[in-house]
Amino acid sequence: SGGIINLSTTNLVYIYFSSDNNIFKGMQLLGATNKDVYVMQEQTANLNNTFLNVTYNLSKEYVPSSSQLIRKWYLNVYVNTTDGNNVSQANVSGYNISNNLVFSALTDSNGNIPTQELIEYVNNGGTRSYQTNYTINTTKLGYTTQSKSVNLTTNTNLVITLPAIPNIIFSPPTPEN
């Protein structure tokens, strides 16, 4: 977890021998002469290997058939009013590109939701299935609902401003004189 791996004469991260359920976090991969991430072709699959907040050259990723790599990033969401005040207890919901709900959280007193770990793509045997763009919907009674689209290809800090719904007061018509 964490750090920089660079200047390898071959591959920077090499996954082999039925390596499943590994998590690589907070790394930067630089300078590989071959691949930044290399999953070895084996008789059995290498599954559920997750790269969270790991930057590397996408063209230097190799995942053979029957193996899997999941790439994730952090999403932080802060909700405020048009006056800049924090909004607590706002409902923030995130939907992936297939419109599947992937998270729903309430903002705290500081206007933040817990940090989300969202999938950019899953590489199954060399084919990437992207989960981004995400749609982030934010609702709270008394405010106009907001919706934003996020192309999650790196860690993202999202600020959502909720405009208050104006109070409209109707008064009865006055009699003519």
Protein backbone atom coordinates (compact mmCIF):
# COMPACT_ATOMS: atom_id res chain seq x y z
CA SER A 1 0.00 0.00 0.00
CA GLY A 2 1.39 3.34 -1.10
CA GLY A 3 4.58 4.41 -2.82
CA ILE A 4 6.21 4.52 -6.23
CA ILE A 5 7.47 1.54 -8.18
CA ASN A 6 9.70 2.48 -11.10
CA LEU A 7 12.43 1.54 -13.53
CA SER A 8 11.94 -2.20 -13.77
CA THR A 9 13.67 -4.03 -16.57
CA THR A 10 10.46 -6.02 -17.20
CA ASN A 11 7.14 -5.73 -15.31
CA LEU A 12 6.38 -3.52 -12.30
CA VAL A 13 3.52 -5.56 -10.78
CA TYR A 14 3.52 -9.25 -11.70
CA ILE A 15 0.53 -11.37 -10.58
CA TYR A 16 0.80 -15.17 -10.84
CA PHE A 17 0.11 -18.59 -9.24
CA SER A 18 -3.63 -18.32 -8.60
CA SER A 19 -3.34 -14.94 -6.94
CA ASP A 20 -6.86 -13.92 -5.99
CA ASN A 21 -8.35 -11.12 -3.90
CA ASN A 22 -5.27 -8.86 -3.83
CA ILE A 23 -5.65 -5.13 -3.23
CA PHE A 24 -3.03 -2.65 -4.43
CA LYS A 25 -3.56 0.85 -2.98
CA GLY A 26 -2.13 4.31 -3.45
CA MET A 27 0.71 3.53 -5.82
CA GLN A 28 2.31 5.09 -8.87
CA LEU A 29 3.86 2.74 -11.44
CA LEU A 30 6.52 4.30 -13.69
CA GLY A 31 9.14 3.32 -16.21
CA ALA A 32 8.49 -0.35 -16.98
CA THR A 33 10.24 -1.57 -20.09
CA ASN A 34 7.49 -4.16 -20.64
CA LYS A 35 4.24 -3.90 -18.60
CA ASP A 36 3.24 -1.79 -15.61
CA VAL A 37 0.74 -4.51 -14.60
CA TYR A 38 1.18 -8.07 -15.84
CA VAL A 39 -1.14 -10.93 -14.92
CA MET A 40 0.42 -14.26 -15.86
CA GLN A 41 -1.46 -16.77 -18.02
CA GLU A 42 -1.97 -19.94 -15.94
CA GLN A 43 -4.11 -23.06 -15.76
CA THR A 44 -6.22 -21.40 -13.05
CA ALA A 45 -7.54 -17.87 -13.01
CA ASN A 46 -6.14 -14.89 -11.12
CA LEU A 47 -9.36 -13.22 -9.95
CA ASN A 48 -10.50 -10.13 -8.07
CA ASN A 49 -7.19 -8.27 -8.14
CA THR A 50 -8.07 -4.67 -7.33
CA PHE A 51 -6.02 -1.55 -8.04
CA LEU A 52 -7.38 1.33 -5.93
CA ASN A 53 -5.88 4.79 -6.48
CA VAL A 54 -3.05 3.31 -8.56
CA THR A 55 -1.79 5.29 -11.54
CA TYR A 56 -0.06 3.63 -14.47
CA ASN A 57 0.03 3.58 -18.26
CA LEU A 58 -3.20 1.91 -19.40
CA SER A 59 -1.51 0.55 -22.53
CA LYS A 60 0.93 -1.32 -20.26
CA GLU A 61 -1.76 -3.46 -18.59
CA TYR A 62 -1.93 -7.15 -19.53
CA VAL A 63 -4.72 -9.44 -18.31
CA PRO A 64 -4.97 -12.86 -20.03
CA SER A 65 -8.12 -14.89 -20.56
CA SER A 66 -9.61 -16.37 -17.39
CA SER A 67 -8.06 -13.62 -15.22
CA GLN A 68 -9.45 -10.39 -13.82
CA LEU A 69 -8.28 -6.92 -12.78
CA ILE A 70 -10.53 -4.30 -11.18
CA ARG A 71 -9.53 -0.62 -11.30
CA LYS A 72 -11.07 1.70 -8.70
CA TRP A 73 -10.83 5.33 -7.62
CA TYR A 74 -11.98 7.38 -4.63
CA LEU A 75 -14.97 9.70 -4.86
CA ASN A 76 -15.50 12.40 -2.22
CA VAL A 77 -18.74 14.41 -2.27
CA TYR A 78 -19.39 17.67 -0.43
CA VAL A 79 -22.84 19.30 -0.47
CA ASN A 80 -23.50 22.97 0.31
CA THR A 81 -26.12 25.67 -0.27
CA THR A 82 -25.84 28.59 -2.69
CA ASP A 83 -24.75 30.63 0.37
CA GLY A 84 -21.88 28.18 0.98
CA ASN A 85 -23.37 26.56 4.09
CA ASN A 86 -22.91 22.82 4.69
CA VAL A 87 -25.99 20.69 4.01
CA SER A 88 -26.47 17.85 6.48
CA GLN A 89 -28.73 14.84 5.90
CA ALA A 90 -28.82 15.31 2.12
CA ASN A 91 -29.23 12.00 0.27
CA VAL A 92 -26.43 11.41 -2.25
CA SER A 93 -26.91 8.44 -4.59
CA GLY A 94 -24.53 7.16 -7.26
CA TYR A 95 -25.48 5.15 -10.36
CA ASN A 96 -23.03 3.51 -12.76
CA ILE A 97 -23.21 3.64 -16.56
CA SER A 98 -25.81 0.83 -16.52
CA ASN A 99 -27.98 2.91 -14.15
CA ASN A 100 -27.40 0.47 -11.28
CA LEU A 101 -27.35 2.01 -7.81
CA VAL A 102 -23.82 1.57 -6.41
CA PHE A 103 -24.09 3.73 -3.28
CA SER A 104 -26.47 5.86 -1.28
CA ALA A 105 -25.32 7.93 1.69
CA LEU A 106 -26.43 10.85 3.83
CA THR A 107 -24.21 13.87 4.33
CA ASP A 108 -22.85 14.56 7.80
CA SER A 109 -22.95 17.92 9.62
CA ASN A 110 -19.97 19.06 7.52
CA GLY A 111 -21.81 18.31 4.24
CA ASN A 112 -19.66 15.26 3.39
CA ILE A 113 -20.52 11.65 2.67
CA PRO A 114 -18.11 8.81 3.52
CA THR A 115 -15.46 8.36 0.81
CA GLN A 116 -16.67 5.96 -1.87
CA GLU A 117 -14.52 3.42 -3.74
CA LEU A 118 -15.96 3.23 -7.24
CA ILE A 119 -15.02 1.00 -10.16
CA GLU A 120 -13.67 2.62 -13.31
CA TYR A 121 -13.56 -0.72 -15.15
CA VAL A 122 -13.24 -4.47 -14.76
CA ASN A 123 -10.74 -6.12 -17.11
CA ASN A 124 -11.83 -9.72 -17.72
CA GLY A 125 -9.35 -11.53 -19.91
CA GLY A 126 -8.22 -8.38 -21.72
CA THR A 127 -11.70 -6.90 -22.25
CA ARG A 128 -12.49 -3.80 -20.20
CA SER A 129 -16.07 -3.24 -19.04
CA TYR A 130 -16.36 0.37 -17.94
CA GLN A 131 -18.64 1.38 -15.06
CA THR A 132 -18.11 5.12 -15.60
CA ASN A 133 -19.69 7.66 -16.25
CA TYR A 134 -21.46 7.81 -12.91
CA THR A 135 -24.58 9.86 -12.26
CA ILE A 136 -24.62 11.46 -8.81
CA ASN A 137 -28.07 12.56 -7.60
CA THR A 138 -28.46 14.75 -4.52
CA THR A 139 -31.79 15.41 -2.80
CA LYS A 140 -33.03 17.14 0.32
CA LEU A 141 -36.49 18.40 1.21
CA GLY A 142 -36.70 22.16 0.62
CA TYR A 143 -33.96 22.17 -2.03
CA THR A 144 -33.86 21.63 -5.79
CA THR A 145 -32.59 18.14 -6.68
CA GLN A 146 -29.19 18.18 -8.40
CA SER A 147 -27.72 15.61 -10.77
CA LYS A 148 -24.11 15.51 -11.99
CA SER A 149 -22.23 13.19 -14.32
CA VAL A 150 -18.73 12.09 -13.27
CA ASN A 151 -16.19 10.41 -15.58
CA LEU A 152 -14.21 8.57 -12.92
CA THR A 153 -10.69 8.01 -14.28
CA THR A 154 -8.84 9.34 -11.22
CA ASN A 155 -9.68 10.30 -7.64
CA THR A 156 -12.44 12.90 -7.69
CA ASN A 157 -13.66 15.57 -5.26
CA LEU A 158 -17.17 16.63 -6.20
CA VAL A 159 -18.92 19.75 -4.86
CA ILE A 160 -22.68 19.84 -5.23
CA THR A 161 -24.57 23.05 -4.53
CA LEU A 162 -28.27 22.76 -3.67
CA PRO A 163 -30.39 25.83 -4.39
CA ALA A 164 -33.25 26.36 -1.94
CA ILE A 165 -36.76 26.10 -3.35
CA PRO A 166 -38.21 29.61 -3.05
CA ASN A 167 -41.22 30.16 -0.80
CA ILE A 168 -44.13 31.29 -2.90
CA ILE A 169 -46.94 33.04 -1.05
CA PHE A 170 -50.25 33.33 -2.78
CA SER A 171 -52.58 36.09 -1.69
CA PRO A 172 -56.22 36.25 -2.64
CA PRO A 173 -57.28 38.80 -5.23
CA THR A 174 -58.38 42.16 -3.86
CA PRO A 175 -61.89 43.44 -4.65
CA GLU A 176 -62.15 46.20 -7.21
CA ASN A 177 -63.38 49.58 -6.07
